N, C-alpha and C. Protein backbone atom coordinates (compact mmCIF):
# COMPACT_ATOMS: atom_id res chain seq x y z
N MET A 1 -7.35 -22.52 -35.07
CA MET A 1 -7.97 -21.56 -34.73
C MET A 1 -7.28 -20.83 -33.22
N CYS A 2 -7.03 -19.69 -33.56
CA CYS A 2 -6.25 -18.97 -32.52
C CYS A 2 -7.09 -17.89 -31.75
N ILE A 3 -7.56 -18.08 -30.72
CA ILE A 3 -7.85 -16.92 -30.00
C ILE A 3 -7.21 -16.34 -28.60
N VAL A 4 -7.01 -15.03 -28.84
CA VAL A 4 -6.18 -14.39 -28.02
C VAL A 4 -6.70 -12.81 -27.72
N GLN A 5 -6.62 -12.68 -26.68
CA GLN A 5 -7.51 -11.33 -26.24
C GLN A 5 -6.26 -10.23 -26.13
N VAL A 6 -5.92 -9.55 -27.38
CA VAL A 6 -4.74 -8.51 -27.40
C VAL A 6 -5.50 -7.19 -28.32
N PHE A 7 -5.13 -6.49 -27.21
CA PHE A 7 -5.42 -4.89 -27.98
C PHE A 7 -4.62 -3.78 -28.19
N ASN A 8 -4.88 -2.92 -29.01
CA ASN A 8 -3.88 -1.92 -29.39
C ASN A 8 -4.72 -0.75 -28.67
N VAL A 9 -4.17 -0.11 -27.73
CA VAL A 9 -4.77 1.22 -26.93
C VAL A 9 -4.35 2.48 -27.95
N GLN A 10 -5.37 3.09 -27.93
CA GLN A 10 -5.25 4.45 -28.69
C GLN A 10 -5.99 5.66 -27.92
N LEU A 11 -5.36 6.68 -28.14
CA LEU A 11 -5.65 8.21 -27.54
C LEU A 11 -6.33 9.06 -28.47
N ASN A 12 -7.17 9.35 -28.36
CA ASN A 12 -8.09 10.32 -29.12
C ASN A 12 -7.89 9.73 -30.81
N TYR A 13 -8.27 8.77 -30.81
CA TYR A 13 -8.32 8.22 -32.19
C TYR A 13 -7.03 8.33 -33.28
N GLU A 14 -6.12 8.62 -32.83
CA GLU A 14 -4.96 8.86 -33.49
C GLU A 14 -3.93 8.29 -33.01
N HIS A 15 -3.33 8.00 -31.96
CA HIS A 15 -2.09 7.71 -31.15
C HIS A 15 -2.38 6.31 -30.59
N THR A 16 -1.60 5.39 -30.85
CA THR A 16 -1.72 4.26 -30.34
C THR A 16 -0.53 4.34 -29.33
N ILE A 17 -1.17 3.89 -28.12
CA ILE A 17 -0.08 4.29 -27.03
C ILE A 17 0.14 3.07 -26.13
N VAL A 18 -0.48 1.81 -26.71
CA VAL A 18 -0.02 0.71 -26.04
C VAL A 18 -0.04 -0.27 -27.33
N ASP A 19 1.03 -0.84 -27.91
CA ASP A 19 0.71 -1.80 -29.06
C ASP A 19 0.87 -2.83 -28.63
N ARG A 20 -0.24 -3.87 -28.92
CA ARG A 20 -0.31 -5.35 -28.74
C ARG A 20 -0.39 -5.81 -27.48
N LEU A 21 -1.34 -5.18 -26.77
CA LEU A 21 -1.54 -5.23 -25.10
C LEU A 21 -2.01 -6.58 -24.98
N ASP A 22 -1.66 -7.39 -24.21
CA ASP A 22 -2.24 -9.08 -23.90
C ASP A 22 -2.11 -8.62 -22.45
N ILE A 23 -3.26 -8.48 -21.66
CA ILE A 23 -3.70 -8.23 -20.37
C ILE A 23 -3.23 -9.50 -19.65
N PHE A 24 -3.67 -10.32 -20.26
CA PHE A 24 -3.57 -12.01 -19.27
C PHE A 24 -2.25 -12.46 -19.65
N ALA A 25 -1.39 -12.20 -20.30
CA ALA A 25 -0.08 -12.74 -20.39
C ALA A 25 0.72 -11.45 -19.53
N SER A 26 0.51 -10.05 -19.62
CA SER A 26 1.05 -9.04 -18.70
C SER A 26 1.03 -9.20 -17.18
N ALA A 27 -0.71 -9.71 -16.78
CA ALA A 27 -0.89 -9.40 -15.28
C ALA A 27 -1.65 -10.67 -14.95
N GLY A 28 -2.22 -11.43 -15.91
CA GLY A 28 -3.03 -12.76 -15.15
C GLY A 28 -4.27 -12.28 -15.19
N PHE A 29 -4.96 -13.54 -14.61
CA PHE A 29 -6.63 -13.16 -14.66
C PHE A 29 -6.93 -12.62 -13.22
N GLY A 30 -7.70 -11.82 -13.33
CA GLY A 30 -8.30 -11.19 -11.94
C GLY A 30 -7.18 -10.00 -11.48
N ILE A 31 -6.19 -9.98 -12.22
CA ILE A 31 -5.13 -8.69 -11.43
C ILE A 31 -4.83 -7.70 -12.37
N ALA A 32 -4.92 -6.30 -11.64
CA ALA A 32 -4.99 -5.13 -12.30
C ALA A 32 -3.69 -4.72 -13.23
N HIS A 33 -3.79 -4.17 -14.00
CA HIS A 33 -2.29 -3.86 -14.85
C HIS A 33 -2.45 -2.27 -15.49
N ASP A 34 -1.49 -1.71 -14.97
CA ASP A 34 -1.25 -0.22 -15.26
C ASP A 34 -0.01 -0.05 -16.53
N GLU A 35 -0.54 0.81 -17.23
CA GLU A 35 0.29 1.69 -18.00
C GLU A 35 0.58 2.82 -17.99
N ILE A 36 1.68 3.18 -17.63
CA ILE A 36 1.94 4.66 -17.60
C ILE A 36 2.48 5.42 -19.32
N VAL A 37 1.67 6.19 -19.73
CA VAL A 37 2.12 6.94 -20.79
C VAL A 37 2.03 8.43 -20.76
N PRO A 38 3.15 8.89 -20.48
CA PRO A 38 3.60 10.42 -20.40
C PRO A 38 2.75 11.28 -21.74
N PHE A 39 2.31 12.39 -21.47
CA PHE A 39 2.00 13.25 -22.70
C PHE A 39 1.87 14.52 -22.19
N THR A 40 1.89 15.39 -23.05
CA THR A 40 1.78 16.83 -22.87
C THR A 40 0.80 17.59 -23.16
N VAL A 41 0.18 18.80 -23.16
CA VAL A 41 -0.65 19.39 -23.85
C VAL A 41 -0.23 20.84 -23.85
N ARG A 42 0.07 21.36 -25.02
CA ARG A 42 0.65 22.57 -24.91
C ARG A 42 -0.10 23.61 -26.19
N LYS A 43 -0.73 24.54 -25.84
CA LYS A 43 -1.23 25.48 -26.76
C LYS A 43 -2.15 24.82 -28.08
N GLY A 44 -2.90 24.00 -27.65
CA GLY A 44 -4.04 23.51 -28.26
C GLY A 44 -3.38 21.78 -28.94
N GLU A 45 -2.40 21.68 -28.69
CA GLU A 45 -2.08 20.18 -29.07
C GLU A 45 -1.64 19.28 -28.30
N LEU A 46 -1.96 18.16 -28.26
CA LEU A 46 -1.69 16.71 -27.60
C LEU A 46 -0.53 16.33 -28.20
N HIS A 47 0.80 16.36 -27.31
CA HIS A 47 1.83 15.45 -27.81
C HIS A 47 1.96 14.20 -26.97
N VAL A 48 2.34 12.99 -27.70
CA VAL A 48 2.29 11.87 -26.99
C VAL A 48 3.51 10.88 -27.81
N ASN A 49 4.34 10.12 -27.38
CA ASN A 49 5.32 9.29 -28.30
C ASN A 49 5.65 10.09 -29.58
N LYS A 50 6.29 11.09 -29.43
CA LYS A 50 6.81 11.93 -30.33
C LYS A 50 5.96 12.32 -31.54
N GLU A 51 4.56 12.23 -31.26
CA GLU A 51 3.60 12.36 -32.30
C GLU A 51 2.73 13.94 -31.64
N SER A 52 2.04 14.65 -32.33
CA SER A 52 0.90 15.77 -31.85
C SER A 52 -0.08 15.65 -32.87
N SER A 53 -1.20 16.00 -32.10
CA SER A 53 -2.22 16.48 -32.77
C SER A 53 -3.44 17.43 -32.15
N SER A 54 -4.21 17.69 -32.77
CA SER A 54 -4.95 18.90 -32.33
C SER A 54 -5.69 18.39 -30.91
N PHE A 55 -5.77 19.31 -29.80
CA PHE A 55 -6.54 18.61 -28.81
C PHE A 55 -7.63 19.87 -28.36
N ASP A 56 -8.76 19.26 -28.19
CA ASP A 56 -10.47 20.02 -27.93
C ASP A 56 -10.46 19.95 -26.28
N GLY A 57 -9.72 19.60 -25.50
CA GLY A 57 -9.79 19.33 -24.27
C GLY A 57 -10.52 18.15 -23.54
N THR A 58 -10.69 17.19 -24.84
CA THR A 58 -11.17 15.85 -24.21
C THR A 58 -10.10 14.87 -24.75
N LEU A 59 -9.93 13.96 -23.63
CA LEU A 59 -9.14 12.79 -23.96
C LEU A 59 -10.04 11.57 -24.08
N HIS A 60 -9.80 10.63 -25.06
CA HIS A 60 -10.56 9.46 -25.28
C HIS A 60 -9.83 8.30 -25.49
N ILE A 61 -9.92 7.10 -24.92
CA ILE A 61 -8.93 6.13 -24.76
C ILE A 61 -9.79 5.05 -25.16
N GLU A 62 -9.25 4.17 -26.50
CA GLU A 62 -9.73 3.25 -26.95
C GLU A 62 -9.18 1.92 -26.78
N PHE A 63 -9.91 0.93 -26.92
CA PHE A 63 -9.19 -0.49 -26.89
C PHE A 63 -9.56 -0.97 -28.07
N VAL A 64 -8.51 -1.34 -29.04
CA VAL A 64 -8.85 -1.79 -30.22
C VAL A 64 -8.69 -3.13 -30.27
N LYS A 65 -9.61 -4.30 -30.70
CA LYS A 65 -8.93 -5.64 -30.68
C LYS A 65 -8.24 -5.84 -31.74
N VAL A 66 -7.21 -6.72 -31.56
CA VAL A 66 -6.40 -7.23 -32.62
C VAL A 66 -6.36 -8.79 -32.62
N VAL A 67 -6.79 -9.42 -33.86
CA VAL A 67 -7.11 -10.26 -34.33
C VAL A 67 -5.95 -11.52 -34.32
N CYS A 68 -5.64 -12.56 -33.66
CA CYS A 68 -4.64 -13.17 -34.08
C CYS A 68 -5.17 -14.42 -35.19
N CYS A 69 -4.36 -14.81 -36.15
CA CYS A 69 -4.59 -15.75 -36.96
C CYS A 69 -3.48 -16.54 -37.73
N PHE A 70 -3.14 -17.80 -36.96
CA PHE A 70 -1.97 -18.31 -37.63
C PHE A 70 -0.67 -17.52 -37.39
N GLY A 71 -0.67 -17.27 -36.23
CA GLY A 71 0.73 -16.47 -35.64
C GLY A 71 1.04 -15.02 -36.15
N LYS A 72 -0.14 -14.72 -37.19
CA LYS A 72 -0.01 -13.24 -37.53
C LYS A 72 -1.30 -12.24 -36.74
N MET A 73 -0.51 -11.53 -36.19
CA MET A 73 -1.63 -10.34 -35.64
C MET A 73 -2.57 -9.58 -36.92
N ILE A 74 -3.69 -9.24 -36.43
CA ILE A 74 -4.57 -8.71 -37.75
C ILE A 74 -5.66 -7.53 -36.98
N VAL A 75 -5.32 -6.37 -37.24
CA VAL A 75 -6.11 -5.45 -36.55
C VAL A 75 -7.76 -5.42 -37.45
């Protein structure tokens, strides 16, 4: 059994802005971790990571748990 706390970080339900983030491996227990994600909003569109989508004025950030099973990551 493999238990790993790994997350994909998504912006506005459409854009994966951080893929397979393992906070404990990156920063350790009880330590802050920052990710800088450049994006722009132009003419009602959100542009991030060479992708675009409509933008209604709200940014939603979601941490989607990735499950590890026998060395394979499963969302």
